[in-house]
Amino acid sequence: IEKKDQEIALLAKDVQVGQLRRRLLTLGLLATFLLGTLLIYMQFMRRKRERRLEEERHLRQAAELEKNRLEKDRLERELASQVLQLCRKNELLASLKEEVTGLKEQSHTTDKSGLRRIERSIQSDIQSDDDWRQFLATFEKVHPDFLNQLRKYADKISPAEQRLSCLLKMNLSSKEIATLLNITAEGVKKARYRLRKKLGLPSDVSLQDFLINLSATAAY
């Protein structure tokens, strides 16, 4: 009986040990499952946060690009308006100058100093640099690297040649350029030839196409 009692006690102890092991195994599996779930959740949240940050970054970039596009459109309209105003002003002043010259020639008085003063004043207004400074300031905002790239091809380019290059860059006609620069169509042709020679362009390359694509080519 004593021996059986000992065997029963040992069996009960083995059962308790087995139950304890199963409980520990269950707890271990549960802890592993919870830890794995936590890691998966943290990974999911991290990726979700990264996607949100990436979306926010794309939205900021898109907003910045749209802002820059709208600003460039505004500056291009402002530049076109300045060119139009300058062209109209020069046309008006040139017409007034012709009328004053005609009056001076038709005048029978010996003192024509008043008409000559008016004529010189008109010519001075036509050749004024103030409008051109404002034009170049706006032009450089629209095409910020154009003049720098131009100087790489011709470092000793004159202010008049810079103006001509800017107007050609805007794809203006020779007639419009002649009015803006207060020169004849033949003068524009000669100025284009001198500029082409200074830039060292071969005969098969269009001067206007070269200038239109200059800053875009440099950007790449």
C-alpha atoms as a PDB file:
ATOM      1  CA  ILE A   1       0.000   0.000   0.000  1.00  0.00           C
ATOM      2  CA  GLU A   2       2.841   2.351   0.872  1.00  0.00           C
ATOM      3  CA  LYS A   3       4.548   1.541  -2.407  1.00  0.00           C
ATOM      4  CA  LYS A   4       1.342   2.228  -4.321  1.00  0.00           C
ATOM      5  CA  ASP A   5       0.885   5.494  -2.471  1.00  0.00           C
ATOM      6  CA  GLN A   6       4.393   6.513  -3.528  1.00  0.00           C
ATOM      7  CA  GLU A   7       3.678   5.563  -7.130  1.00  0.00           C
ATOM      8  CA  ILE A   8       0.438   7.542  -7.044  1.00  0.00           C
ATOM      9  CA  ALA A   9       2.282  10.547  -5.577  1.00  0.00           C
ATOM     10  CA  LEU A  10       4.952  10.324  -8.263  1.00  0.00           C
ATOM     11  CA  LEU A  11       2.306  10.003 -10.972  1.00  0.00           C
ATOM     12  CA  ALA A  12       0.449  12.992  -9.586  1.00  0.00           C
ATOM     13  CA  LYS A  13       3.694  14.938  -9.506  1.00  0.00           C
ATOM     14  CA  ASP A  14       4.400  13.993 -13.122  1.00  0.00           C
ATOM     15  CA  VAL A  15       0.913  15.109 -14.053  1.00  0.00           C
ATOM     16  CA  GLN A  16       1.452  18.422 -12.287  1.00  0.00           C
ATOM     17  CA  VAL A  17       4.813  18.885 -14.039  1.00  0.00           C
ATOM     18  CA  GLY A  18       3.208  18.116 -17.390  1.00  0.00           C
ATOM     19  CA  GLN A  19       0.398  20.532 -16.715  1.00  0.00           C
ATOM     20  CA  LEU A  20       2.926  23.164 -15.700  1.00  0.00           C
ATOM     21  CA  ARG A  21       4.933  22.597 -18.867  1.00  0.00           C
ATOM     22  CA  ARG A  22       1.801  22.866 -21.006  1.00  0.00           C
ATOM     23  CA  ARG A  23       0.856  26.081 -19.238  1.00  0.00           C
ATOM     24  CA  LEU A  24       4.331  27.499 -19.724  1.00  0.00           C
ATOM     25  CA  LEU A  25       4.278  26.432 -23.378  1.00  0.00           C
ATOM     26  CA  THR A  26       0.854  28.021 -23.826  1.00  0.00           C
ATOM     27  CA  LEU A  27       2.024  31.212 -22.149  1.00  0.00           C
ATOM     28  CA  GLY A  28       5.156  31.207 -24.304  1.00  0.00           C
ATOM     29  CA  LEU A  29       3.135  30.741 -27.488  1.00  0.00           C
ATOM     30  CA  LEU A  30       0.712  33.429 -26.385  1.00  0.00           C
ATOM     31  CA  ALA A  31       3.559  35.828 -25.570  1.00  0.00           C
ATOM     32  CA  THR A  32       5.189  35.056 -28.936  1.00  0.00           C
ATOM     33  CA  PHE A  33       1.873  35.633 -30.693  1.00  0.00           C
ATOM     34  CA  LEU A  34       1.316  38.924 -28.867  1.00  0.00           C
ATOM     35  CA  LEU A  35       4.877  40.059 -29.547  1.00  0.00           C
ATOM     36  CA  GLY A  36       4.570  39.142 -33.214  1.00  0.00           C
ATOM     37  CA  THR A  37       1.229  40.940 -33.440  1.00  0.00           C
ATOM     38  CA  LEU A  38       2.764  43.988 -31.776  1.00  0.00           C
ATOM     39  CA  LEU A  39       5.719  43.976 -34.165  1.00  0.00           C
ATOM     40  CA  ILE A  40       3.406  43.619 -37.173  1.00  0.00           C
ATOM     41  CA  TYR A  41       1.243  46.457 -35.881  1.00  0.00           C
ATOM     42  CA  MET A  42       4.279  48.680 -35.281  1.00  0.00           C
ATOM     43  CA  GLN A  43       5.584  47.861 -38.766  1.00  0.00           C
ATOM     44  CA  PHE A  44       2.159  48.653 -40.239  1.00  0.00           C
ATOM     45  CA  MET A  45       1.962  51.969 -38.384  1.00  0.00           C
ATOM     46  CA  ARG A  46       5.513  52.876 -39.400  1.00  0.00           C
ATOM     47  CA  ARG A  47       4.755  52.227 -43.061  1.00  0.00           C
ATOM     48  CA  LYS A  48       1.475  54.111 -42.759  1.00  0.00           C
ATOM     49  CA  ARG A  49       3.313  57.082 -41.248  1.00  0.00           C
ATOM     50  CA  GLU A  50       5.974  56.912 -43.982  1.00  0.00           C
ATOM     51  CA  ARG A  51       3.259  56.836 -46.673  1.00  0.00           C
ATOM     52  CA  ARG A  52       1.540  59.815 -45.073  1.00  0.00           C
ATOM     53  CA  LEU A  53       4.814  61.740 -44.898  1.00  0.00           C
ATOM     54  CA  GLU A  54       5.562  60.818 -48.506  1.00  0.00           C
ATOM     55  CA  GLU A  55       2.101  61.977 -49.605  1.00  0.00           C
ATOM     56  CA  GLU A  56       2.538  65.228 -47.688  1.00  0.00           C
ATOM     57  CA  ARG A  57       5.933  65.733 -49.322  1.00  0.00           C
ATOM     58  CA  HIS A  58       4.435  65.144 -52.791  1.00  0.00           C
ATOM     59  CA  LEU A  59       1.609  67.546 -51.996  1.00  0.00           C
ATOM     60  CA  ARG A  60       4.091  70.210 -50.874  1.00  0.00           C
ATOM     61  CA  GLN A  61       6.172  69.685 -54.001  1.00  0.00           C
ATOM     62  CA  ALA A  62       3.074  69.861 -56.212  1.00  0.00           C
ATOM     63  CA  ALA A  63       1.931  73.028 -54.432  1.00  0.00           C
ATOM     64  CA  GLU A  64       5.390  74.569 -54.833  1.00  0.00           C
ATOM     65  CA  LEU A  65       5.507  73.644 -58.527  1.00  0.00           C
ATOM     66  CA  GLU A  66       2.040  75.104 -59.061  1.00  0.00           C
ATOM     67  CA  LYS A  67       3.050  78.254 -57.209  1.00  0.00           C
ATOM     68  CA  ASN A  68       6.193  78.581 -59.355  1.00  0.00           C
ATOM     69  CA  ARG A  69       4.176  77.951 -62.522  1.00  0.00           C
ATOM     70  CA  LEU A  70       1.637  80.618 -61.634  1.00  0.00           C
ATOM     71  CA  GLU A  71       4.419  83.053 -60.745  1.00  0.00           C
ATOM     72  CA  LYS A  72       6.203  82.354 -64.031  1.00  0.00           C
ATOM     73  CA  ASP A  73       2.946  82.815 -65.959  1.00  0.00           C
ATOM     74  CA  ARG A  74       2.416  86.126 -64.179  1.00  0.00           C
ATOM     75  CA  LEU A  75       5.954  87.276 -64.972  1.00  0.00           C
ATOM     76  CA  GLU A  76       5.622  86.205 -68.608  1.00  0.00           C
ATOM     77  CA  ARG A  77       2.403  88.233 -68.914  1.00  0.00           C
ATOM     78  CA  GLU A  78       4.116  91.171 -67.235  1.00  0.00           C
ATOM     79  CA  LEU A  79       7.092  90.843 -69.595  1.00  0.00           C
ATOM     80  CA  ALA A  80       4.829  90.690 -72.658  1.00  0.00           C
ATOM     81  CA  SER A  81       2.952  93.746 -71.362  1.00  0.00           C
ATOM     82  CA  GLN A  82       6.211  95.666 -70.888  1.00  0.00           C
ATOM     83  CA  VAL A  83       7.329  94.809 -74.415  1.00  0.00           C
ATOM     84  CA  LEU A  84       3.968  95.890 -75.820  1.00  0.00           C
ATOM     85  CA  GLN A  85       4.055  99.180 -73.891  1.00  0.00           C
ATOM     86  CA  LEU A  86       7.648  99.834 -74.932  1.00  0.00           C
ATOM     87  CA  CYS A  87       6.787  99.083 -78.548  1.00  0.00           C
ATOM     88  CA  ARG A  88       3.787 101.422 -78.502  1.00  0.00           C
ATOM     89  CA  LYS A  89       5.773 104.153 -76.762  1.00  0.00           C
ATOM     90  CA  ASN A  90       8.570 103.977 -79.323  1.00  0.00           C
ATOM     91  CA  GLU A  91       6.074 103.975 -82.193  1.00  0.00           C
ATOM     92  CA  LEU A  92       4.385 107.063 -80.758  1.00  0.00           C
ATOM     93  CA  LEU A  93       7.665 108.859 -80.110  1.00  0.00           C
ATOM     94  CA  ALA A  94       8.973 107.967 -83.561  1.00  0.00           C
ATOM     95  CA  SER A  95       5.780 109.378 -85.094  1.00  0.00           C
ATOM     96  CA  LEU A  96       6.104 112.555 -83.034  1.00  0.00           C
ATOM     97  CA  LYS A  97       9.738 112.871 -84.049  1.00  0.00           C
ATOM     98  CA  GLU A  98       8.781 112.638 -87.728  1.00  0.00           C
ATOM     99  CA  GLU A  99       6.162 115.337 -87.253  1.00  0.00           C
ATOM    100  CA  VAL A 100       8.612 117.625 -85.443  1.00  0.00           C
ATOM    101  CA  THR A 101      11.217 117.013 -88.156  1.00  0.00           C
ATOM    102  CA  GLY A 102       8.609 117.850 -90.788  1.00  0.00           C
ATOM    103  CA  LEU A 103       7.637 121.030 -88.933  1.00  0.00           C
ATOM    104  CA  LYS A 104      11.289 121.982 -88.625  1.00  0.00           C
ATOM    105  CA  GLU A 105      11.797 121.553 -92.361  1.00  0.00           C
ATOM    106  CA  GLN A 106       8.622 123.465 -93.202  1.00  0.00           C
ATOM    107  CA  SER A 107       9.331 126.295 -90.771  1.00  0.00           C
ATOM    108  CA  HIS A 108      10.463 129.499 -92.466  1.00  0.00           C
ATOM    109  CA  THR A 109      11.798 131.036 -89.278  1.00  0.00           C
ATOM    110  CA  THR A 110      15.509 131.159 -88.719  1.00  0.00           C
ATOM    111  CA  ASP A 111      15.228 130.187 -85.047  1.00  0.00           C
ATOM    112  CA  LYS A 112      14.395 126.486 -84.943  1.00  0.00           C
ATOM    113  CA  SER A 113      16.042 125.822 -81.600  1.00  0.00           C
ATOM    114  CA  GLY A 114      12.685 125.066 -79.923  1.00  0.00           C
ATOM    115  CA  LEU A 115      11.854 122.357 -82.433  1.00  0.00           C
ATOM    116  CA  ARG A 116      15.371 120.959 -82.174  1.00  0.00           C
ATOM    117  CA  ARG A 117      15.042 120.744 -78.388  1.00  0.00           C
ATOM    118  CA  ILE A 118      11.754 118.872 -78.747  1.00  0.00           C
ATOM    119  CA  GLU A 119      13.366 116.576 -81.297  1.00  0.00           C
ATOM    120  CA  ARG A 120      16.317 115.855 -78.981  1.00  0.00           C
ATOM    121  CA  SER A 121      13.963 115.267 -76.062  1.00  0.00           C
ATOM    122  CA  ILE A 122      11.951 112.751 -78.068  1.00  0.00           C
ATOM    123  CA  GLN A 123      15.111 110.968 -79.192  1.00  0.00           C
ATOM    124  CA  SER A 124      16.327 110.867 -75.606  1.00  0.00           C
ATOM    125  CA  ASP A 125      13.049 109.284 -74.476  1.00  0.00           C
ATOM    126  CA  ILE A 126      13.277 106.703 -77.258  1.00  0.00           C
ATOM    127  CA  GLN A 127      16.805 105.734 -76.219  1.00  0.00           C
ATOM    128  CA  SER A 128      16.083 105.872 -72.464  1.00  0.00           C
ATOM    129  CA  ASP A 129      17.604 103.017 -70.469  1.00  0.00           C
ATOM    130  CA  ASP A 130      15.011 103.134 -67.681  1.00  0.00           C
ATOM    131  CA  ASP A 131      12.449 101.064 -69.580  1.00  0.00           C
ATOM    132  CA  TRP A 132      15.120  98.590 -70.621  1.00  0.00           C
ATOM    133  CA  ARG A 133      16.357  98.168 -67.057  1.00  0.00           C
ATOM    134  CA  GLN A 134      12.818  97.326 -65.971  1.00  0.00           C
ATOM    135  CA  PHE A 135      12.445  94.974 -68.937  1.00  0.00           C
ATOM    136  CA  LEU A 136      15.709  93.145 -68.167  1.00  0.00           C
ATOM    137  CA  ALA A 137      14.791  92.833 -64.483  1.00  0.00           C
ATOM    138  CA  THR A 138      11.545  91.072 -65.405  1.00  0.00           C
ATOM    139  CA  PHE A 139      13.202  89.066 -68.186  1.00  0.00           C
ATOM    140  CA  GLU A 140      15.821  87.653 -65.804  1.00  0.00           C
ATOM    141  CA  LYS A 141      13.067  86.493 -63.453  1.00  0.00           C
ATOM    142  CA  VAL A 142      11.429  84.572 -66.296  1.00  0.00           C
ATOM    143  CA  HIS A 143      14.729  83.313 -67.775  1.00  0.00           C
ATOM    144  CA  PRO A 144      17.135  83.493 -64.792  1.00  0.00           C
ATOM    145  CA  ASP A 145      20.136  81.793 -66.406  1.00  0.00           C
ATOM    146  CA  PHE A 146      19.840  83.030 -69.976  1.00  0.00           C
ATOM    147  CA  LEU A 147      22.264  85.957 -69.896  1.00  0.00           C
ATOM    148  CA  ASN A 148      24.860  83.973 -67.915  1.00  0.00           C
ATOM    149  CA  GLN A 149      24.749  81.199 -70.503  1.00  0.00           C
ATOM    150  CA  LEU A 150      24.915  83.763 -73.293  1.00  0.00           C
ATOM    151  CA  ARG A 151      28.097  85.263 -71.814  1.00  0.00           C
ATOM    152  CA  LYS A 152      29.717  81.819 -71.829  1.00  0.00           C
ATOM    153  CA  TYR A 153      29.476  81.864 -75.619  1.00  0.00           C
ATOM    154  CA  ALA A 154      30.395  85.546 -75.961  1.00  0.00           C
ATOM    155  CA  ASP A 155      31.832  87.163 -72.830  1.00  0.00           C
ATOM    156  CA  LYS A 156      32.232  90.610 -74.466  1.00  0.00           C
ATOM    157  CA  ILE A 157      28.642  90.966 -75.576  1.00  0.00           C
ATOM    158  CA  SER A 158      27.410  94.578 -75.584  1.00  0.00           C
ATOM    159  CA  PRO A 159      24.229  95.841 -73.849  1.00  0.00           C
ATOM    160  CA  ALA A 160      22.602  96.375 -77.259  1.00  0.00           C
ATOM    161  CA  GLU A 161      23.421  92.778 -78.217  1.00  0.00           C
ATOM    162  CA  GLN A 162      22.015  91.564 -74.907  1.00  0.00           C
ATOM    163  CA  ARG A 163      18.778  93.382 -75.654  1.00  0.00           C
ATOM    164  CA  LEU A 164      18.651  91.881 -79.130  1.00  0.00           C
ATOM    165  CA  SER A 165      19.296  88.406 -77.695  1.00  0.00           C
ATOM    166  CA  CYS A 166      16.492  88.798 -75.169  1.00  0.00           C
ATOM    167  CA  LEU A 167      14.041  89.929 -77.841  1.00  0.00           C
ATOM    168  CA  LEU A 168      15.028  87.044 -80.106  1.00  0.00           C
ATOM    169  CA  LYS A 169      14.626  84.703 -77.140  1.00  0.00           C
ATOM    170  CA  MET A 170      11.031  85.949 -76.873  1.00  0.00           C
ATOM    171  CA  ASN A 171      10.554  85.004 -80.537  1.00  0.00           C
ATOM    172  CA  LEU A 172       9.687  88.545 -81.644  1.00  0.00           C
ATOM    173  CA  SER A 173       9.626  89.483 -85.314  1.00  0.00           C
ATOM    174  CA  SER A 174      12.264  91.667 -86.964  1.00  0.00           C
ATOM    175  CA  LYS A 175       9.676  94.448 -87.309  1.00  0.00           C
ATOM    176  CA  GLU A 176       8.898  94.378 -83.590  1.00  0.00           C
ATOM    177  CA  ILE A 177      12.599  94.302 -82.734  1.00  0.00           C
ATOM    178  CA  ALA A 178      13.272  97.235 -85.041  1.00  0.00           C
ATOM    179  CA  THR A 179      10.578  99.279 -83.281  1.00  0.00           C
ATOM    180  CA  LEU A 180      11.831  98.344 -79.808  1.00  0.00           C
ATOM    181  CA  LEU A 181      15.476  99.050 -80.614  1.00  0.00           C
ATOM    182  CA  ASN A 182      14.660 102.142 -82.711  1.00  0.00           C
ATOM    183  CA  ILE A 183      16.560 100.869 -85.722  1.00  0.00           C
ATOM    184  CA  THR A 184      15.600  99.939 -89.267  1.00  0.00           C
ATOM    185  CA  ALA A 185      14.836  96.418 -90.483  1.00  0.00           C
ATOM    186  CA  GLU A 186      18.215  96.467 -92.222  1.00  0.00           C
ATOM    187  CA  GLY A 187      19.797  97.473 -88.910  1.00  0.00           C
ATOM    188  CA  VAL A 188      18.206  94.442 -87.244  1.00  0.00           C
ATOM    189  CA  LYS A 189      19.590  92.220 -89.978  1.00  0.00           C
ATOM    190  CA  LYS A 190      23.104  93.589 -89.495  1.00  0.00           C
ATOM    191  CA  ALA A 191      22.825  93.317 -85.718  1.00  0.00           C
ATOM    192  CA  ARG A 192      21.744  89.684 -86.020  1.00  0.00           C
ATOM    193  CA  TYR A 193      24.718  88.970 -88.274  1.00  0.00           C
ATOM    194  CA  ARG A 194      27.167  90.545 -85.820  1.00  0.00           C
ATOM    195  CA  LEU A 195      25.628  88.629 -82.914  1.00  0.00           C
ATOM    196  CA  ARG A 196      25.771  85.338 -84.820  1.00  0.00           C
ATOM    197  CA  LYS A 197      29.429  85.965 -85.627  1.00  0.00           C
ATOM    198  CA  LYS A 198      30.248  86.828 -82.021  1.00  0.00           C
ATOM    199  CA  LEU A 199      28.535  83.649 -80.797  1.00  0.00           C
ATOM    200  CA  GLY A 200      30.456  81.604 -83.345  1.00  0.00           C
ATOM    201  CA  LEU A 201      27.374  79.876 -84.768  1.00  0.00           C
ATOM    202  CA  PRO A 202      27.720  77.835 -87.971  1.00  0.00           C
ATOM    203  CA  SER A 203      25.585  78.833 -90.938  1.00  0.00           C
ATOM    204  CA  ASP A 204      23.239  75.854 -90.603  1.00  0.00           C
ATOM    205  CA  VAL A 205      22.204  76.830 -87.035  1.00  0.00           C
ATOM    206  CA  SER A 206      19.319  79.287 -86.635  1.00  0.00           C
ATOM    207  CA  LEU A 207      20.281  82.183 -84.367  1.00  0.00           C
ATOM    208  CA  GLN A 208      16.744  82.514 -83.014  1.00  0.00           C
ATOM    209  CA  ASP A 209      16.379  78.763 -82.371  1.00  0.00           C
ATOM    210  CA  PHE A 210      19.760  78.739 -80.628  1.00  0.00           C
ATOM    211  CA  LEU A 211      18.734  81.575 -78.306  1.00  0.00           C
ATOM    212  CA  ILE A 212      15.265  80.153 -77.645  1.00  0.00           C
ATOM    213  CA  ASN A 213      16.757  76.811 -76.604  1.00  0.00           C
ATOM    214  CA  LEU A 214      19.861  78.191 -74.898  1.00  0.00           C
ATOM    215  CA  SER A 215      18.785  78.200 -71.251  1.00  0.00           C
ATOM    216  CA  ALA A 216      16.730  75.011 -71.675  1.00  0.00           C
ATOM    217  CA  THR A 217      19.796  73.204 -73.079  1.00  0.00           C
ATOM    218  CA  ALA A 218      21.987  74.558 -70.281  1.00  0.00           C
ATOM    219  CA  ALA A 219      19.545  73.269 -67.647  1.00  0.00           C
ATOM    220  CA  TYR A 220      20.210  69.707 -68.734  1.00  0.00           C
END
